[in-house]
Amino acid sequence: MSKTSASTMINAPIQKVFEYTASPENGPMFIPNLNQNTNISVTPTQVGQKWNWRFNMVGVDLMGEAEVTNVEAPHLWELKLSGASHGTWKFMFEEADGGTKVSLDVEYEMPQGVIGKLSANAVEKINQKNTDDILQHLKTILEE
């Protein structure tokens, strides 16, 4: 398994940041190259919630299912991915300096179609940039 992580400060209340981030409907708004989340099983977010995702990485269309494995509102939201890509995403939220510190840890296995196009080092750099971009997009959206 490969890993990426990032964190940022968002000038917004923790509850607002948590609710926006933990809503699968919002994922395509802040996750680069996430084309869609569909068939969302239940709302609001809770353990066992599932949906289908479609993501494009370097021209390879990837599809699979996500399942929420842990929720400790408003401090933690964790999910497991299966399908074309396997892994876990863990968002952590803490109140700090009048806003919210958001951290994201991602563990993943890359599908062969992507690995065949790029070196492992290139894939790791792309994934780290995507992790950084996710938090920057959240910051931009939630601070408006």
Protein backbone atom coordinates (compact mmCIF):
# COMPACT_ATOMS: atom_id res chain seq x y z
CA MET A 1 0.00 0.00 0.00
CA SER A 2 1.14 3.52 -0.80
CA LYS A 3 0.29 6.51 1.38
CA THR A 4 -0.23 10.25 1.07
CA SER A 5 -1.21 12.80 3.67
CA ALA A 6 -1.82 16.53 3.95
CA SER A 7 -3.36 19.06 6.29
CA THR A 8 -4.58 22.65 6.14
CA MET A 9 -6.35 25.27 8.19
CA ILE A 10 -9.82 26.34 7.04
CA ASN A 11 -11.34 29.52 8.40
CA ALA A 12 -14.76 28.00 9.05
CA PRO A 13 -16.50 26.25 11.96
CA ILE A 14 -15.70 22.57 12.46
CA GLN A 15 -19.34 21.46 12.01
CA LYS A 16 -19.63 23.21 8.64
CA VAL A 17 -16.32 21.74 7.42
CA PHE A 18 -17.21 18.25 8.62
CA GLU A 19 -20.72 18.24 7.13
CA TYR A 20 -19.55 19.49 3.73
CA THR A 21 -16.60 17.10 3.52
CA ALA A 22 -18.50 14.02 4.74
CA SER A 23 -21.30 14.41 2.19
CA PRO A 24 -20.69 12.11 -0.82
CA GLU A 25 -22.78 14.46 -2.96
CA ASN A 26 -20.06 17.12 -2.51
CA GLY A 27 -17.08 14.90 -3.37
CA PRO A 28 -16.92 15.81 -7.08
CA MET A 29 -16.81 19.50 -6.10
CA PHE A 30 -13.51 19.23 -4.21
CA ILE A 31 -11.82 15.97 -5.24
CA PRO A 32 -9.83 16.46 -8.48
CA ASN A 33 -10.76 14.01 -11.24
CA LEU A 34 -13.68 12.50 -9.30
CA ASN A 35 -16.31 12.50 -12.01
CA GLN A 36 -19.25 11.34 -9.94
CA ASN A 37 -20.63 9.62 -6.86
CA THR A 38 -23.89 7.79 -7.54
CA ASN A 39 -26.30 5.38 -5.83
CA ILE A 40 -25.69 6.96 -2.42
CA SER A 41 -27.39 4.55 -0.03
CA VAL A 42 -28.46 6.80 2.87
CA THR A 43 -28.05 10.32 4.19
CA PRO A 44 -26.85 11.81 6.42
CA THR A 45 -23.43 10.21 6.49
CA GLN A 46 -23.18 7.19 8.77
CA VAL A 47 -21.23 3.97 9.16
CA GLY A 48 -22.32 1.58 6.41
CA GLN A 49 -23.28 4.30 3.93
CA LYS A 50 -22.21 3.22 0.42
CA TRP A 51 -22.01 4.73 -3.03
CA ASN A 52 -20.46 4.11 -6.45
CA TRP A 53 -17.65 6.36 -7.63
CA ARG A 54 -16.07 7.10 -11.01
CA PHE A 55 -12.61 8.68 -11.16
CA ASN A 56 -10.22 9.42 -14.01
CA MET A 57 -6.47 9.16 -13.53
CA VAL A 58 -4.14 9.94 -16.45
CA GLY A 59 -6.82 8.94 -18.94
CA VAL A 60 -7.76 5.68 -17.19
CA ASP A 61 -11.39 5.57 -16.08
CA LEU A 62 -11.66 3.89 -12.67
CA MET A 63 -14.90 2.79 -10.99
CA GLY A 64 -15.76 1.20 -7.70
CA GLU A 65 -17.62 1.43 -4.42
CA ALA A 66 -16.99 3.47 -1.28
CA GLU A 67 -18.22 2.57 2.18
CA VAL A 68 -18.10 4.71 5.31
CA THR A 69 -16.30 2.69 8.00
CA ASN A 70 -16.06 5.21 10.83
CA VAL A 71 -17.77 8.48 11.76
CA GLU A 72 -17.10 10.47 14.90
CA ALA A 73 -18.85 13.74 14.07
CA PRO A 74 -17.46 16.35 13.79
CA HIS A 75 -13.93 14.99 14.25
CA LEU A 76 -13.49 11.96 11.97
CA TRP A 77 -14.81 10.56 8.72
CA GLU A 78 -13.25 7.40 7.26
CA LEU A 79 -14.09 5.34 4.23
CA LYS A 80 -12.92 2.28 2.36
CA LEU A 81 -12.68 2.08 -1.44
CA SER A 82 -13.04 -1.09 -3.47
CA GLY A 83 -13.24 -1.82 -7.17
CA ALA A 84 -10.66 -0.55 -9.66
CA SER A 85 -8.69 1.00 -6.79
CA HIS A 86 -8.49 -0.19 -3.19
CA GLY A 87 -7.69 1.91 -0.17
CA THR A 88 -8.82 3.99 2.77
CA TRP A 89 -9.40 7.71 3.20
CA LYS A 90 -9.34 9.23 6.68
CA PHE A 91 -10.40 12.85 7.20
CA MET A 92 -9.69 14.31 10.64
CA PHE A 93 -11.04 17.64 11.90
CA GLU A 94 -10.03 19.68 14.94
CA GLU A 95 -10.89 23.14 16.15
CA ALA A 96 -7.85 25.42 16.05
CA ASP A 97 -7.23 29.17 15.95
CA GLY A 98 -10.90 30.01 15.46
CA GLY A 99 -11.21 27.67 12.48
CA THR A 100 -10.73 24.03 11.61
CA LYS A 101 -7.57 22.05 10.98
CA VAL A 102 -8.33 19.35 8.41
CA SER A 103 -5.99 16.42 7.87
CA LEU A 104 -6.33 13.73 5.21
CA ASP A 105 -4.52 10.39 5.20
CA VAL A 106 -4.95 8.17 2.13
CA GLU A 107 -3.69 4.60 1.72
CA TYR A 108 -4.15 3.08 -1.71
CA GLU A 109 -3.21 0.38 -4.20
CA MET A 110 -2.98 1.56 -7.79
CA PRO A 111 -4.68 -0.41 -10.56
CA GLN A 112 -2.50 -2.01 -13.22
CA GLY A 113 -3.90 0.23 -15.99
CA VAL A 114 -2.45 3.30 -14.30
CA ILE A 115 0.80 1.66 -13.27
CA GLY A 116 1.34 0.53 -16.85
CA LYS A 117 1.19 4.15 -18.06
CA LEU A 118 3.41 5.72 -15.39
CA SER A 119 6.25 4.84 -13.09
CA ALA A 120 5.43 4.17 -9.43
CA ASN A 121 7.28 7.38 -8.53
CA ALA A 122 5.15 9.44 -10.93
CA VAL A 123 1.95 7.90 -9.54
CA GLU A 124 3.03 8.75 -5.98
CA LYS A 125 3.73 12.36 -6.96
CA ILE A 126 0.37 12.69 -8.72
CA ASN A 127 -1.46 11.21 -5.74
CA GLN A 128 0.31 13.51 -3.28
CA LYS A 129 -0.61 16.52 -5.43
CA ASN A 130 -4.23 15.32 -5.55
CA THR A 131 -4.29 15.00 -1.75
CA ASP A 132 -2.91 18.53 -1.39
CA ASP A 133 -5.40 19.82 -3.97
CA ILE A 134 -8.36 18.21 -2.18
CA LEU A 135 -7.65 20.25 0.94
CA GLN A 136 -6.95 23.42 -1.03
CA HIS A 137 -10.30 23.04 -2.83
CA LEU A 138 -12.08 22.53 0.49
CA LYS A 139 -10.41 25.66 1.85
CA THR A 140 -11.46 27.72 -1.18
CA ILE A 141 -15.07 26.48 -1.12
CA LEU A 142 -15.63 26.71 2.63
CA GLU A 143 -13.98 30.09 3.21
CA GLU A 144 -16.20 31.89 0.67
